Amino acid sequence: MSRTIVRMITAVLEAQGLVKRYGDAVALDGVDLTVRVGESLAIMGASGSGKTTLLHCLAGIVVPDGGRVTLATANGRLDMGSISDEERSELRRTTFGFVFQQGLLIPELTAVENVSLPMLLAGASRREAERQASAGLASLGLEGLDHRRLGQLSGGQAQRVAIARAQVMAPAVVFADEPTGALDSRTSMEVLDALIASTTGRGRTLVVVTHESAVARRCDRTVHLSDGCLTGVDEHRSAS
């Protein structure tokens, strides 16, 4: 399944009436949310508020029990609940990128090998994959560190490698789940600035889950969750 994202429209993702339960626990309770093309959106809430579940539903990792998520494509809006697991997996490989709190890099691989891995899995040649991976690392201030392994990188450097890997396939939307949670405050802001510049700075959309107000304020917009419900929206600045 190959789908081209339409970037001229207002909403790249729309969630309508999302409900998700885990046993008797309600993680999402009728959430409506529009994610705009080219914006940085923070999802903020306390632990257990449902923010990671919301991100997983938006990204097609989790299928909600009720409601739906639609994605803008060249063929109109795609109901992500109507496609197969394999098709959702392809979207996660090509249309979506992911950055997690611990990076989830492979320690046995070098920085450039970690970043090039998604391209290799998509069938690119090793030479082309590593060329693009090296360029991505350089754009994030990691020029000359291509052949270092995880143990030879600082926490901030490793998270920039994770950012480069998330974007090597030029995804339309990058999802980041507590991407600065394991970093000190100064490094957190440096990494966040790099993440925003390399996503919305290139016309892509960024969705960040965080419990840190300093992180949320760097984004264009913040939505607040509590007990699975959307409780408020803050507009920090207009999305580009």
Protein backbone atom coordinates (compact mmCIF):
# COMPACT_ATOMS: atom_id res chain seq x y z
CA MET A 1 0.00 0.00 0.00
CA SER A 2 1.58 3.25 -1.14
CA ARG A 3 -0.23 6.44 -0.18
CA THR A 4 0.79 10.05 -0.74
CA ILE A 5 -0.02 12.53 2.02
CA VAL A 6 -1.81 15.70 0.94
CA ARG A 7 -0.04 18.63 2.60
CA MET A 8 -2.30 21.47 1.40
CA ILE A 9 -5.17 20.53 3.68
CA THR A 10 -5.66 21.72 7.24
CA ALA A 11 -5.81 18.39 9.09
CA VAL A 12 -3.43 15.51 8.56
CA LEU A 13 -5.04 13.42 11.34
CA GLU A 14 -8.51 13.59 12.87
CA ALA A 15 -9.69 11.65 15.91
CA GLN A 16 -13.42 11.44 16.54
CA GLY A 17 -14.97 10.06 19.71
CA LEU A 18 -12.00 7.85 20.63
CA VAL A 19 -12.69 5.29 23.34
CA LYS A 20 -10.12 2.79 24.59
CA ARG A 21 -10.46 0.46 27.56
CA TYR A 22 -8.03 -1.91 29.20
CA GLY A 23 -10.24 -4.21 31.22
CA ASP A 24 -12.30 -1.99 33.54
CA ALA A 25 -9.91 0.94 33.12
CA VAL A 26 -10.94 3.63 30.63
CA ALA A 27 -7.83 5.07 28.96
CA LEU A 28 -9.70 7.28 26.49
CA ASP A 29 -13.26 8.47 26.99
CA GLY A 30 -14.63 10.09 23.82
CA VAL A 31 -11.65 12.15 22.68
CA ASP A 32 -11.96 14.43 19.63
CA LEU A 33 -8.75 15.92 18.22
CA THR A 34 -7.53 17.48 14.98
CA VAL A 35 -3.80 17.42 14.17
CA ARG A 36 -2.92 20.16 11.69
CA VAL A 37 -0.47 19.81 8.84
CA GLY A 38 2.93 21.25 9.74
CA GLU A 39 2.23 21.99 13.40
CA SER A 40 3.97 20.85 16.57
CA LEU A 41 1.34 19.53 18.97
CA ALA A 42 2.01 18.59 22.58
CA ILE A 43 -0.23 16.09 24.39
CA MET A 44 0.14 16.80 28.09
CA GLY A 45 -1.17 15.09 31.19
CA ALA A 46 -0.25 13.27 34.36
CA SER A 47 0.82 9.65 34.37
CA GLY A 48 -2.20 7.51 33.54
CA SER A 49 -4.10 10.36 31.86
CA GLY A 50 -4.28 8.53 28.52
CA LYS A 51 -1.75 10.58 26.58
CA THR A 52 0.37 7.68 25.35
CA THR A 53 -2.75 5.70 24.46
CA LEU A 54 -3.95 8.67 22.41
CA LEU A 55 -0.61 8.84 20.59
CA HIS A 56 -0.76 5.09 19.90
CA CYS A 57 -4.27 5.44 18.46
CA LEU A 58 -3.23 8.36 16.25
CA ALA A 59 -0.24 6.38 14.99
CA GLY A 60 -2.16 3.19 14.27
CA ILE A 61 -0.30 1.20 16.91
CA VAL A 62 -3.54 0.66 18.85
CA VAL A 63 -7.04 0.33 17.37
CA PRO A 64 -9.60 2.15 19.55
CA ASP A 65 -12.64 0.34 20.94
CA GLY A 66 -14.85 3.19 19.77
CA GLY A 67 -14.57 6.19 17.48
CA ARG A 68 -12.09 6.48 14.64
CA VAL A 69 -8.88 8.06 13.41
CA THR A 70 -8.62 9.28 9.82
CA LEU A 71 -5.49 10.18 7.88
CA ALA A 72 -5.36 12.58 4.93
CA THR A 73 -4.14 10.91 1.74
CA ALA A 74 -4.17 11.72 -1.96
CA ASN A 75 -7.31 9.57 -2.23
CA GLY A 76 -9.21 11.34 0.54
CA ARG A 77 -9.43 10.56 4.23
CA LEU A 78 -8.36 7.05 5.19
CA ASP A 79 -10.10 5.44 8.17
CA MET A 80 -7.18 3.75 9.90
CA GLY A 81 -9.50 1.30 11.62
CA SER A 82 -10.67 -0.02 8.26
CA ILE A 83 -7.29 -1.28 7.04
CA SER A 84 -5.36 -4.42 7.89
CA ASP A 85 -2.58 -4.78 10.45
CA GLU A 86 -0.11 -5.11 7.57
CA GLU A 87 -1.31 -1.84 6.03
CA ARG A 88 -1.04 -0.05 9.37
CA SER A 89 2.48 -1.45 9.75
CA GLU A 90 3.38 -0.02 6.35
CA LEU A 91 2.06 3.39 7.38
CA ARG A 92 4.27 3.22 10.47
CA ARG A 93 7.28 2.44 8.27
CA THR A 94 6.70 5.09 5.64
CA THR A 95 4.24 7.80 6.66
CA PHE A 96 4.94 7.97 10.40
CA GLY A 97 8.20 8.30 12.31
CA PHE A 98 8.76 7.58 16.02
CA VAL A 99 11.05 8.89 18.76
CA PHE A 100 10.83 7.30 22.20
CA GLN A 101 12.15 8.31 25.63
CA GLN A 102 14.98 5.77 25.60
CA GLY A 103 15.66 6.09 21.88
CA LEU A 104 15.42 2.30 21.35
CA LEU A 105 18.62 2.28 19.33
CA ILE A 106 20.43 -1.00 18.67
CA PRO A 107 23.63 -0.81 20.74
CA GLU A 108 25.57 -3.21 18.50
CA LEU A 109 25.12 -0.91 15.50
CA THR A 110 26.87 2.38 14.76
CA ALA A 111 24.97 5.66 14.56
CA VAL A 112 24.82 5.56 10.76
CA GLU A 113 23.75 1.90 10.78
CA ASN A 114 20.92 2.66 13.24
CA VAL A 115 19.66 5.53 11.11
CA SER A 116 19.92 3.66 7.81
CA LEU A 117 18.05 0.59 9.10
CA PRO A 118 14.53 1.74 8.05
CA MET A 119 15.76 2.38 4.50
CA LEU A 120 17.47 -1.00 4.33
CA LEU A 121 14.25 -2.70 5.49
CA ALA A 122 12.43 -0.82 2.72
CA GLY A 123 14.79 -2.24 0.11
CA ALA A 124 17.31 0.58 -0.39
CA SER A 125 20.93 -0.28 -1.13
CA ARG A 126 23.32 -0.10 1.78
CA ARG A 127 25.33 2.63 0.05
CA GLU A 128 22.30 4.86 -0.56
CA ALA A 129 20.82 4.20 2.89
CA GLU A 130 24.05 5.12 4.66
CA ARG A 131 24.53 8.18 2.44
CA GLN A 132 21.13 9.54 3.45
CA ALA A 133 21.63 8.48 7.06
CA SER A 134 24.95 10.31 7.22
CA ALA A 135 23.34 13.46 5.80
CA GLY A 136 20.57 13.21 8.39
CA LEU A 137 23.08 12.90 11.22
CA ALA A 138 25.04 15.89 9.94
CA SER A 139 21.87 18.00 9.76
CA LEU A 140 21.36 17.36 13.49
CA GLY A 141 24.89 18.38 14.45
CA LEU A 142 26.36 14.86 14.52
CA GLU A 143 28.78 15.12 11.59
CA GLY A 144 31.81 12.90 12.17
CA LEU A 145 30.00 10.60 14.62
CA ASP A 146 28.66 8.15 12.02
CA HIS A 147 30.68 5.19 13.23
CA ARG A 148 30.24 5.60 16.97
CA ARG A 149 28.17 3.07 18.85
CA LEU A 150 25.61 3.88 21.54
CA GLY A 151 28.14 3.56 24.37
CA GLN A 152 30.33 6.19 22.72
CA LEU A 153 27.57 8.84 22.56
CA SER A 154 26.17 11.19 25.18
CA GLY A 155 22.48 10.98 26.03
CA GLY A 156 21.71 14.02 23.90
CA GLN A 157 23.72 12.68 20.97
CA ALA A 158 21.99 9.31 21.16
CA GLN A 159 18.57 10.95 21.13
CA ARG A 160 19.56 12.96 18.05
CA VAL A 161 20.48 9.68 16.38
CA ALA A 162 16.98 8.45 17.25
CA ILE A 163 15.51 11.62 15.71
CA ALA A 164 17.54 11.08 12.54
CA ARG A 165 16.34 7.47 12.32
CA ALA A 166 12.71 8.58 12.76
CA GLN A 167 13.02 10.93 9.81
CA VAL A 168 15.20 9.06 7.32
CA MET A 169 12.08 7.92 5.42
CA ALA A 170 10.78 11.53 5.27
CA PRO A 171 7.56 10.77 7.19
CA ALA A 172 4.63 13.19 7.11
CA VAL A 173 4.11 12.89 10.89
CA VAL A 174 6.67 12.25 13.63
CA PHE A 175 5.39 10.96 16.98
CA ALA A 176 7.60 11.52 20.03
CA ASP A 177 6.77 9.89 23.36
CA GLU A 178 8.57 11.72 26.20
CA PRO A 179 11.59 12.30 23.92
CA THR A 180 13.45 14.37 26.54
CA GLY A 181 12.35 12.49 29.65
CA ALA A 182 15.74 10.85 30.26
CA LEU A 183 17.81 14.02 29.69
CA ASP A 184 18.91 16.93 31.87
CA SER A 185 17.08 20.23 31.39
CA ARG A 186 19.66 21.93 29.16
CA THR A 187 20.14 18.90 26.91
CA SER A 188 16.35 18.43 26.81
CA MET A 189 15.83 21.84 25.27
CA GLU A 190 18.67 21.31 22.76
CA VAL A 191 17.20 17.98 21.66
CA LEU A 192 13.67 19.40 21.50
CA ASP A 193 14.83 22.33 19.39
CA ALA A 194 16.55 19.90 17.02
CA LEU A 195 13.40 17.78 16.84
CA ILE A 196 11.15 20.75 16.06
CA ALA A 197 13.55 22.24 13.50
CA SER A 198 13.87 18.93 11.68
CA THR A 199 10.10 18.32 11.56
CA THR A 200 7.93 21.45 11.43
CA GLY A 201 10.94 23.35 10.09
CA ARG A 202 10.66 21.10 7.01
CA GLY A 203 6.88 21.21 6.73
CA ARG A 204 6.28 17.98 8.65
CA THR A 205 3.96 17.47 11.61
CA LEU A 206 5.18 16.70 15.14
CA VAL A 207 3.09 15.14 17.92
CA VAL A 208 4.82 15.08 21.31
CA VAL A 209 3.63 13.34 24.47
CA THR A 210 5.04 15.02 27.56
CA HIS A 211 4.39 15.76 31.21
CA GLU A 212 6.80 18.72 31.15
CA SER A 213 5.30 22.20 30.72
CA ALA A 214 8.62 23.57 29.39
CA VAL A 215 8.47 21.05 26.54
CA ALA A 216 4.81 21.76 25.80
CA ARG A 217 5.41 25.52 25.61
CA ARG A 218 7.92 25.02 22.77
CA CYS A 219 5.14 23.54 20.63
CA ASP A 220 2.55 25.42 18.59
CA ARG A 221 -0.33 23.93 20.54
CA THR A 222 -0.93 21.88 23.69
CA VAL A 223 -3.88 19.63 24.44
CA HIS A 224 -4.46 18.56 28.03
CA LEU A 225 -5.77 15.15 29.04
CA SER A 226 -7.11 14.02 32.40
CA ASP A 227 -8.59 10.58 33.09
CA GLY A 228 -8.93 9.91 29.38
CA CYS A 229 -10.78 13.15 28.60
CA LEU A 230 -9.62 16.24 26.71
CA THR A 231 -9.81 19.08 29.25
CA GLY A 232 -8.29 22.02 27.42
CA VAL A 233 -6.27 23.38 24.51
CA ASP A 234 -3.57 26.07 24.61
CA GLU A 235 -2.52 27.88 21.44
CA HIS A 236 1.07 29.04 21.80
CA ARG A 237 1.57 30.33 18.29
CA SER A 238 0.21 29.74 14.82
CA ALA A 239 1.42 26.55 13.16
CA SER A 240 3.51 27.20 10.06
